[in-house]
Amino acid sequence: MKTSKLISILQELDPTGQCEVTIDNNDINFADIYPGYYDGCFQIIEYCDDGKEIEGIKLCSRQDKIRLHHSGYEELFWDFPNLKITFDSEYTERLKDSIETLRKEIIKECEEIDSGKYDPKICTRCNGTGTIQIRELGNYCPTIKPCPECNNV
């Protein structure tokens, strides 16, 4: 979506400019611009002439892209373990116990990393299976290869 279209939609939805904008229920904390090829091609939805029905996807690398970055408490606890959490209602307060449990788990993991005792139990690439699926362009069947992190087959 072009920036002009996004701005237009946001202004139509919230003419006062006071509504919070989120991505996956997380706040947008900054935006930046990159060349289109940076960290992989990006995708643009192509619409039919009516502008409503989706016709396809265009993969792009030649034009710049703006990335909106978002963070929630799950990511922020890694850098700010004592992050203040406030709740605006009883409905949101029901999350308090699970948020504090997550905070304690992250603090413990950070302490293990800092002390050199961190030993991940499950490979982050293969999730303990020992193999990863690799999809190559034009190949509709995933290729099963040994995971390079845990060297399992």
Foldseek 3Di string as FASTA:
>chain_A
DDPVVVVVVVCVVPVVPPDFDDDPPFHQDDKDKDQCCVPHWDKDFDADPVVPHTDGIDTDGHHMDMDTDTDDLLVVCLVVLPDDDDDDDPVRCVCVVVSVVSSVVSVVQSVCVVVVNDDDPADPQPRNPQWHWDDDVPRPGTDTDGDPVVRGD
